[in-house]
Amino acid sequence: MLWIFADSALFETLSRSGVMDIWRIYPWIIIPTHLFGVFLAYRYGAELLHQTPIILGLFIFSYGLYWSEEPILLSIVYPIVISYYNVLLFQALIRMADIRLIGLSMIGVGWVAASIANGVALEHQLWIAAIVLGLSGLAYTFYFRRIT
């Protein structure tokens, strides 16, 4: 749900931005970088949870590029992270194999995370998503410190 939330909040914010309209201005960069993200996920991606530091870092970098108004760099980095986490997410959903778990997961990502992210974008409060990403990074660090 975290990745869908972070992605939806930034995507919806970009879609409503006059300054950072990367979708209309840079499709010739976005399309190949999406494909590159898919390639990276299939070639180097592992289990979704173990890829958290990479995905989190790419999302934080994408948010930083948005706030520093670097549309060309954002057009490169953001599509890579979108494709990378989506491939790993759908692989994780497929491995669940129980339709009830998949359905509950889709409710969480499709309704809950995306709806909250839309609210963040519509209210122009993208900083909330950045705080959620930061707190999730801290939680992830403590979670794995406790396990290992």
N, C-alpha and C. Protein backbone atom coordinates (compact mmCIF):
# COMPACT_ATOMS: atom_id res chain seq x y z
N MET A 1 0.82 -1.20 0.00
CA MET A 1 0.00 0.00 0.00
C MET A 1 0.86 1.26 0.00
N LEU A 2 2.04 1.18 0.63
CA LEU A 2 2.92 2.34 0.71
C LEU A 2 3.34 2.81 -0.68
N TRP A 3 3.71 1.86 -1.54
CA TRP A 3 4.19 2.25 -2.87
C TRP A 3 3.06 2.84 -3.71
N ILE A 4 1.88 2.26 -3.62
CA ILE A 4 0.73 2.80 -4.36
C ILE A 4 0.40 4.20 -3.86
N PHE A 5 0.44 4.39 -2.54
CA PHE A 5 0.18 5.71 -1.97
C PHE A 5 1.21 6.72 -2.48
N ALA A 6 2.50 6.39 -2.37
CA ALA A 6 3.56 7.33 -2.79
C ALA A 6 3.47 7.62 -4.28
N ASP A 7 3.20 6.59 -5.06
CA ASP A 7 3.09 6.76 -6.51
C ASP A 7 1.86 7.60 -6.87
N SER A 8 0.72 7.25 -6.31
CA SER A 8 -0.51 7.97 -6.65
C SER A 8 -0.46 9.44 -6.24
N ALA A 9 0.12 9.70 -5.07
CA ALA A 9 0.21 11.09 -4.61
C ALA A 9 1.06 11.92 -5.56
N LEU A 10 2.21 11.40 -5.96
CA LEU A 10 3.08 12.14 -6.87
C LEU A 10 2.48 12.21 -8.27
N PHE A 11 1.93 11.10 -8.74
CA PHE A 11 1.32 11.08 -10.08
C PHE A 11 0.19 12.10 -10.18
N GLU A 12 -0.71 12.09 -9.21
CA GLU A 12 -1.84 13.02 -9.25
C GLU A 12 -1.38 14.47 -9.10
N THR A 13 -0.35 14.69 -8.30
CA THR A 13 0.19 16.04 -8.16
C THR A 13 0.80 16.50 -9.48
N LEU A 14 1.57 15.62 -10.13
CA LEU A 14 2.17 15.97 -11.43
C LEU A 14 1.10 16.20 -12.49
N SER A 15 0.04 15.41 -12.45
CA SER A 15 -1.03 15.55 -13.45
C SER A 15 -1.74 16.88 -13.35
N ARG A 16 -1.70 17.50 -12.17
CA ARG A 16 -2.37 18.77 -11.96
C ARG A 16 -1.40 19.95 -11.95
N SER A 17 -0.14 19.68 -12.22
CA SER A 17 0.89 20.72 -12.15
C SER A 17 1.09 21.36 -13.51
N GLY A 18 1.09 22.66 -13.54
CA GLY A 18 1.40 23.37 -14.77
C GLY A 18 2.90 23.49 -14.99
N VAL A 19 3.66 23.49 -13.91
CA VAL A 19 5.11 23.66 -13.97
C VAL A 19 5.81 22.35 -14.30
N MET A 20 5.34 21.25 -13.75
CA MET A 20 6.02 19.96 -13.89
C MET A 20 5.17 18.97 -14.69
N ASP A 21 4.64 19.38 -15.81
CA ASP A 21 3.80 18.53 -16.64
C ASP A 21 4.69 17.61 -17.48
N ILE A 22 5.31 16.63 -16.82
CA ILE A 22 6.26 15.76 -17.53
C ILE A 22 5.57 14.83 -18.51
N TRP A 23 4.31 14.47 -18.26
CA TRP A 23 3.63 13.50 -19.12
C TRP A 23 3.43 14.05 -20.53
N ARG A 24 3.13 15.30 -20.64
CA ARG A 24 2.88 15.89 -21.95
C ARG A 24 4.18 16.32 -22.63
N ILE A 25 5.13 16.80 -21.85
CA ILE A 25 6.34 17.39 -22.43
C ILE A 25 7.41 16.35 -22.75
N TYR A 26 7.54 15.30 -21.94
CA TYR A 26 8.66 14.35 -22.10
C TYR A 26 8.24 12.90 -22.32
N PRO A 27 7.23 12.63 -23.14
CA PRO A 27 6.85 11.21 -23.33
C PRO A 27 7.96 10.39 -23.99
N TRP A 28 8.78 11.02 -24.80
CA TRP A 28 9.88 10.32 -25.47
C TRP A 28 10.98 9.91 -24.49
N ILE A 29 11.00 10.48 -23.30
CA ILE A 29 11.91 10.04 -22.24
C ILE A 29 11.19 9.03 -21.34
N ILE A 30 9.93 9.29 -21.05
CA ILE A 30 9.17 8.47 -20.10
C ILE A 30 8.97 7.05 -20.61
N ILE A 31 8.63 6.88 -21.86
CA ILE A 31 8.35 5.54 -22.40
C ILE A 31 9.56 4.61 -22.27
N PRO A 32 10.75 5.00 -22.76
CA PRO A 32 11.88 4.07 -22.61
C PRO A 32 12.32 3.86 -21.16
N THR A 33 12.15 4.88 -20.30
CA THR A 33 12.54 4.68 -18.91
C THR A 33 11.56 3.76 -18.18
N HIS A 34 10.29 3.78 -18.56
CA HIS A 34 9.35 2.79 -18.03
C HIS A 34 9.81 1.39 -18.41
N LEU A 35 10.15 1.21 -19.67
CA LEU A 35 10.61 -0.10 -20.13
C LEU A 35 11.90 -0.52 -19.43
N PHE A 36 12.77 0.44 -19.17
CA PHE A 36 14.01 0.15 -18.46
C PHE A 36 13.71 -0.29 -17.02
N GLY A 37 12.74 0.33 -16.38
CA GLY A 37 12.33 -0.07 -15.04
C GLY A 37 11.79 -1.50 -15.01
N VAL A 38 11.02 -1.88 -16.03
CA VAL A 38 10.53 -3.25 -16.14
C VAL A 38 11.71 -4.21 -16.30
N PHE A 39 12.63 -3.87 -17.17
CA PHE A 39 13.83 -4.69 -17.37
C PHE A 39 14.59 -4.87 -16.05
N LEU A 40 14.82 -3.78 -15.33
CA LEU A 40 15.55 -3.85 -14.07
C LEU A 40 14.83 -4.75 -13.05
N ALA A 41 13.52 -4.65 -13.00
CA ALA A 41 12.75 -5.47 -12.06
C ALA A 41 12.88 -6.95 -12.39
N TYR A 42 12.78 -7.29 -13.67
CA TYR A 42 12.90 -8.70 -14.05
C TYR A 42 14.33 -9.21 -13.92
N ARG A 43 15.27 -8.36 -14.20
CA ARG A 43 16.69 -8.77 -14.18
C ARG A 43 17.27 -8.79 -12.78
N TYR A 44 17.00 -7.75 -11.98
CA TYR A 44 17.66 -7.60 -10.68
C TYR A 44 16.72 -7.63 -9.49
N GLY A 45 15.44 -7.50 -9.74
CA GLY A 45 14.49 -7.45 -8.65
C GLY A 45 14.38 -8.79 -7.94
N ALA A 46 14.12 -8.72 -6.68
CA ALA A 46 13.92 -9.92 -5.87
C ALA A 46 12.55 -9.79 -5.20
N GLU A 47 12.38 -10.38 -4.06
CA GLU A 47 11.14 -10.28 -3.32
C GLU A 47 10.88 -8.83 -2.95
N LEU A 48 9.64 -8.41 -3.05
CA LEU A 48 9.26 -7.00 -2.88
C LEU A 48 9.76 -6.40 -1.57
N LEU A 49 9.58 -7.09 -0.46
CA LEU A 49 9.99 -6.55 0.83
C LEU A 49 11.49 -6.30 0.90
N HIS A 50 12.27 -7.16 0.27
CA HIS A 50 13.73 -6.98 0.30
C HIS A 50 14.20 -5.86 -0.63
N GLN A 51 13.35 -5.41 -1.50
CA GLN A 51 13.68 -4.31 -2.40
C GLN A 51 13.26 -2.96 -1.84
N THR A 52 12.72 -2.95 -0.64
CA THR A 52 12.23 -1.72 -0.01
C THR A 52 13.27 -0.59 0.00
N PRO A 53 14.52 -0.83 0.38
CA PRO A 53 15.47 0.29 0.39
C PRO A 53 15.66 0.93 -0.99
N ILE A 54 15.69 0.12 -2.03
CA ILE A 54 15.87 0.64 -3.38
C ILE A 54 14.65 1.44 -3.80
N ILE A 55 13.47 0.85 -3.62
CA ILE A 55 12.23 1.53 -4.02
C ILE A 55 12.04 2.81 -3.21
N LEU A 56 12.26 2.73 -1.92
CA LEU A 56 12.12 3.90 -1.05
C LEU A 56 13.08 5.00 -1.48
N GLY A 57 14.32 4.64 -1.74
CA GLY A 57 15.30 5.63 -2.18
C GLY A 57 14.92 6.28 -3.50
N LEU A 58 14.41 5.48 -4.43
CA LEU A 58 13.99 6.04 -5.72
C LEU A 58 12.78 6.96 -5.57
N PHE A 59 11.85 6.59 -4.69
CA PHE A 59 10.70 7.47 -4.45
C PHE A 59 11.14 8.78 -3.79
N ILE A 60 12.00 8.70 -2.80
CA ILE A 60 12.48 9.91 -2.13
C ILE A 60 13.21 10.80 -3.13
N PHE A 61 14.02 10.18 -3.99
CA PHE A 61 14.74 10.92 -5.02
C PHE A 61 13.75 11.58 -5.98
N SER A 62 12.68 10.85 -6.37
CA SER A 62 11.66 11.41 -7.26
C SER A 62 10.96 12.61 -6.62
N TYR A 63 10.60 12.48 -5.36
CA TYR A 63 9.98 13.60 -4.66
C TYR A 63 10.92 14.79 -4.60
N GLY A 64 12.19 14.54 -4.34
CA GLY A 64 13.18 15.62 -4.32
C GLY A 64 13.30 16.31 -5.66
N LEU A 65 13.26 15.53 -6.74
CA LEU A 65 13.33 16.12 -8.09
C LEU A 65 12.08 16.96 -8.37
N TYR A 66 10.94 16.51 -7.87
CA TYR A 66 9.71 17.30 -8.04
C TYR A 66 9.86 18.65 -7.33
N TRP A 67 10.28 18.62 -6.07
CA TRP A 67 10.38 19.86 -5.30
C TRP A 67 11.50 20.78 -5.79
N SER A 68 12.53 20.20 -6.38
CA SER A 68 13.60 21.05 -6.92
C SER A 68 13.33 21.44 -8.37
N GLU A 69 12.16 21.05 -8.86
CA GLU A 69 11.70 21.39 -10.22
C GLU A 69 12.72 21.00 -11.28
N GLU A 70 13.02 19.72 -11.31
CA GLU A 70 13.92 19.11 -12.31
C GLU A 70 13.11 18.16 -13.18
N PRO A 71 12.34 18.69 -14.14
CA PRO A 71 11.42 17.83 -14.88
C PRO A 71 12.11 16.76 -15.74
N ILE A 72 13.24 17.07 -16.33
CA ILE A 72 13.89 16.07 -17.19
C ILE A 72 14.40 14.90 -16.35
N LEU A 73 15.06 15.20 -15.24
CA LEU A 73 15.53 14.12 -14.37
C LEU A 73 14.37 13.35 -13.76
N LEU A 74 13.30 14.04 -13.40
CA LEU A 74 12.12 13.37 -12.88
C LEU A 74 11.51 12.45 -13.93
N SER A 75 11.55 12.86 -15.20
CA SER A 75 11.04 12.04 -16.30
C SER A 75 11.85 10.77 -16.50
N ILE A 76 13.04 10.74 -15.97
CA ILE A 76 13.89 9.55 -16.06
C ILE A 76 13.69 8.67 -14.83
N VAL A 77 13.79 9.24 -13.65
CA VAL A 77 13.79 8.47 -12.40
C VAL A 77 12.40 7.94 -12.05
N TYR A 78 11.40 8.79 -12.11
CA TYR A 78 10.06 8.41 -11.66
C TYR A 78 9.47 7.23 -12.45
N PRO A 79 9.54 7.22 -13.78
CA PRO A 79 9.02 6.04 -14.49
C PRO A 79 9.77 4.75 -14.17
N ILE A 80 11.06 4.85 -13.88
CA ILE A 80 11.82 3.65 -13.50
C ILE A 80 11.27 3.08 -12.20
N VAL A 81 11.08 3.94 -11.21
CA VAL A 81 10.58 3.45 -9.92
C VAL A 81 9.15 2.92 -10.05
N ILE A 82 8.33 3.56 -10.85
CA ILE A 82 6.95 3.09 -11.04
C ILE A 82 6.96 1.68 -11.61
N SER A 83 7.69 1.48 -12.69
CA SER A 83 7.71 0.18 -13.33
C SER A 83 8.38 -0.87 -12.46
N TYR A 84 9.45 -0.48 -11.78
CA TYR A 84 10.19 -1.42 -10.93
C TYR A 84 9.31 -1.97 -9.81
N TYR A 85 8.68 -1.07 -9.06
CA TYR A 85 7.88 -1.57 -7.95
C TYR A 85 6.62 -2.28 -8.43
N ASN A 86 6.03 -1.83 -9.55
CA ASN A 86 4.82 -2.48 -10.05
C ASN A 86 5.06 -3.93 -10.45
N VAL A 87 6.16 -4.19 -11.13
CA VAL A 87 6.49 -5.56 -11.50
C VAL A 87 6.63 -6.42 -10.25
N LEU A 88 7.38 -5.93 -9.27
CA LEU A 88 7.59 -6.69 -8.04
C LEU A 88 6.30 -6.86 -7.25
N LEU A 89 5.46 -5.82 -7.24
CA LEU A 89 4.18 -5.90 -6.55
C LEU A 89 3.27 -6.95 -7.18
N PHE A 90 3.16 -6.94 -8.48
CA PHE A 90 2.29 -7.91 -9.14
C PHE A 90 2.84 -9.33 -9.04
N GLN A 91 4.15 -9.48 -9.01
CA GLN A 91 4.73 -10.80 -8.77
C GLN A 91 4.36 -11.29 -7.38
N ALA A 92 4.41 -10.39 -6.40
CA ALA A 92 4.04 -10.76 -5.03
C ALA A 92 2.56 -11.14 -4.95
N LEU A 93 1.71 -10.41 -5.64
CA LEU A 93 0.27 -10.73 -5.65
C LEU A 93 0.02 -12.09 -6.29
N ILE A 94 0.72 -12.38 -7.37
CA ILE A 94 0.55 -13.67 -8.05
C ILE A 94 0.99 -14.81 -7.14
N ARG A 95 2.08 -14.60 -6.39
CA ARG A 95 2.58 -15.65 -5.50
C ARG A 95 1.61 -15.93 -4.34
N MET A 96 0.73 -15.00 -4.03
CA MET A 96 -0.23 -15.23 -2.95
C MET A 96 -1.12 -16.43 -3.27
N ALA A 97 -1.55 -16.54 -4.50
CA ALA A 97 -2.33 -17.67 -5.01
C ALA A 97 -3.71 -17.84 -4.36
N ASP A 98 -4.02 -17.14 -3.31
CA ASP A 98 -5.34 -17.21 -2.68
C ASP A 98 -6.13 -15.98 -3.11
N ILE A 99 -7.20 -16.20 -3.82
CA ILE A 99 -7.98 -15.11 -4.40
C ILE A 99 -8.52 -14.17 -3.32
N ARG A 100 -8.81 -14.69 -2.13
CA ARG A 100 -9.31 -13.82 -1.05
C ARG A 100 -8.21 -12.85 -0.59
N LEU A 101 -6.98 -13.35 -0.44
CA LEU A 101 -5.88 -12.47 -0.05
C LEU A 101 -5.57 -11.44 -1.13
N ILE A 102 -5.62 -11.90 -2.37
CA ILE A 102 -5.39 -10.97 -3.48
C ILE A 102 -6.48 -9.90 -3.49
N GLY A 103 -7.71 -10.30 -3.29
CA GLY A 103 -8.83 -9.34 -3.27
C GLY A 103 -8.69 -8.32 -2.15
N LEU A 104 -8.34 -8.77 -0.96
CA LEU A 104 -8.13 -7.85 0.16
C LEU A 104 -6.96 -6.92 -0.11
N SER A 105 -5.91 -7.46 -0.71
CA SER A 105 -4.76 -6.62 -1.05
C SER A 105 -5.14 -5.56 -2.06
N MET A 106 -5.93 -5.93 -3.04
CA MET A 106 -6.35 -4.97 -4.06
C MET A 106 -7.28 -3.90 -3.47
N ILE A 107 -8.08 -4.27 -2.50
CA ILE A 107 -8.89 -3.26 -1.80
C ILE A 107 -7.96 -2.27 -1.11
N GLY A 108 -6.94 -2.78 -0.45
CA GLY A 108 -5.99 -1.92 0.25
C GLY A 108 -5.25 -1.00 -0.68
N VAL A 109 -4.75 -1.53 -1.80
CA VAL A 109 -3.97 -0.68 -2.69
C VAL A 109 -4.86 0.15 -3.61
N GLY A 110 -5.94 -0.45 -4.08
CA GLY A 110 -6.77 0.24 -5.06
C GLY A 110 -7.72 1.27 -4.48
N TRP A 111 -8.29 0.96 -3.35
CA TRP A 111 -9.26 1.87 -2.76
C TRP A 111 -8.65 2.73 -1.67
N VAL A 112 -8.00 2.10 -0.73
CA VAL A 112 -7.51 2.85 0.43
C VAL A 112 -6.32 3.73 0.07
N ALA A 113 -5.24 3.11 -0.39
CA ALA A 113 -4.01 3.88 -0.66
C ALA A 113 -4.22 4.92 -1.76
N ALA A 114 -4.84 4.52 -2.85
CA ALA A 114 -5.04 5.46 -3.96
C ALA A 114 -6.00 6.59 -3.58
N SER A 115 -7.02 6.28 -2.81
CA SER A 115 -7.97 7.32 -2.39
C SER A 115 -7.33 8.33 -1.46
N ILE A 116 -6.55 7.85 -0.51
CA ILE A 116 -5.86 8.77 0.40
C ILE A 116 -4.87 9.63 -0.39
N ALA A 117 -4.16 9.00 -1.32
CA ALA A 117 -3.20 9.75 -2.14
C ALA A 117 -3.89 10.81 -2.99
N ASN A 118 -5.06 10.48 -3.52
CA ASN A 118 -5.81 11.49 -4.28
C ASN A 118 -6.19 12.66 -3.41
N GLY A 119 -6.58 12.38 -2.18
CA GLY A 119 -6.90 13.46 -1.25
C GLY A 119 -5.68 14.34 -0.98
N VAL A 120 -4.53 13.72 -0.81
CA VAL A 120 -3.29 14.47 -0.59
C VAL A 120 -3.00 15.37 -1.79
N ALA A 121 -3.14 14.82 -2.99
CA ALA A 121 -2.85 15.60 -4.20
C ALA A 121 -3.87 16.72 -4.41
N LEU A 122 -5.14 16.42 -4.22
CA LEU A 122 -6.17 17.44 -4.43
C LEU A 122 -6.07 18.59 -3.43
N GLU A 123 -5.59 18.29 -2.23
CA GLU A 123 -5.43 19.33 -1.22
C GLU A 123 -4.04 19.99 -1.27
N HIS A 124 -3.24 19.60 -2.25
CA HIS A 124 -1.88 20.16 -2.42
C HIS A 124 -1.04 19.98 -1.17
N GLN A 125 -1.09 18.79 -0.60
CA GLN A 125 -0.37 18.48 0.63
C GLN A 125 0.62 17.33 0.40
N LEU A 126 1.43 17.42 -0.64
CA LEU A 126 2.37 16.35 -0.98
C LEU A 126 3.37 16.08 0.14
N TRP A 127 3.59 17.06 0.99
CA TRP A 127 4.51 16.87 2.11
C TRP A 127 4.05 15.72 3.01
N ILE A 128 2.75 15.44 3.05
CA ILE A 128 2.25 14.33 3.85
C ILE A 128 2.81 13.01 3.32
N ALA A 129 2.82 12.85 2.00
CA ALA A 129 3.38 11.64 1.40
C ALA A 129 4.86 11.52 1.70
N ALA A 130 5.58 12.64 1.68
CA ALA A 130 7.01 12.60 1.98
C ALA A 130 7.25 12.18 3.42
N ILE A 131 6.44 12.66 4.33
CA ILE A 131 6.57 12.25 5.74
C ILE A 131 6.26 10.76 5.90
N VAL A 132 5.23 10.29 5.23
CA VAL A 132 4.90 8.87 5.29
C VAL A 132 6.06 8.02 4.76
N LEU A 133 6.66 8.46 3.66
CA LEU A 133 7.83 7.73 3.13
C LEU A 133 8.98 7.73 4.13
N GLY A 134 9.26 8.87 4.73
CA GLY A 134 10.34 8.95 5.70
C GLY A 134 10.10 8.07 6.91
N LEU A 135 8.90 8.12 7.45
CA LEU A 135 8.55 7.28 8.60
C LEU A 135 8.59 5.80 8.24
N SER A 136 8.18 5.47 7.04
CA SER A 136 8.24 4.08 6.60
C SER A 136 9.68 3.60 6.48
N GLY A 137 10.56 4.48 6.02
CA GLY A 137 11.97 4.14 5.96
C GLY A 137 12.54 3.85 7.34
N LEU A 138 12.17 4.66 8.31
CA LEU A 138 12.61 4.42 9.69
C LEU A 138 12.04 3.11 10.24
N ALA A 139 10.77 2.89 10.00
CA ALA A 139 10.14 1.66 10.48
C ALA A 139 10.79 0.44 9.84
N TYR A 140 11.10 0.52 8.57
CA TYR A 140 11.75 -0.59 7.87
C TYR A 140 13.11 -0.89 8.48
N THR A 141 13.87 0.15 8.78
CA THR A 141 15.19 -0.02 9.38
C THR A 141 15.09 -0.73 10.72
N PHE A 142 14.17 -0.30 11.58
CA PHE A 142 14.01 -0.93 12.89
C PHE A 142 13.44 -2.34 12.77
N TYR A 143 12.57 -2.56 11.81
CA TYR A 143 11.97 -3.88 11.61
C TYR A 143 13.05 -4.90 11.27
N PHE A 144 13.93 -4.56 10.34
CA PHE A 144 14.96 -5.52 9.94
C PHE A 144 16.08 -5.62 10.97
N ARG A 145 16.30 -4.59 11.75
CA ARG A 145 17.30 -4.68 12.82
C ARG A 145 16.81 -5.68 13.87
N ARG A 146 15.52 -5.69 14.14
CA ARG A 146 14.93 -6.59 15.12
C ARG A 146 14.94 -8.04 14.65
N ILE A 147 14.77 -8.27 13.35
CA ILE A 147 14.70 -9.63 12.82
C ILE A 147 16.08 -10.26 12.73
N THR A 148 17.08 -9.51 12.30
CA THR A 148 18.40 -10.10 12.08
C THR A 148 19.26 -10.11 13.31
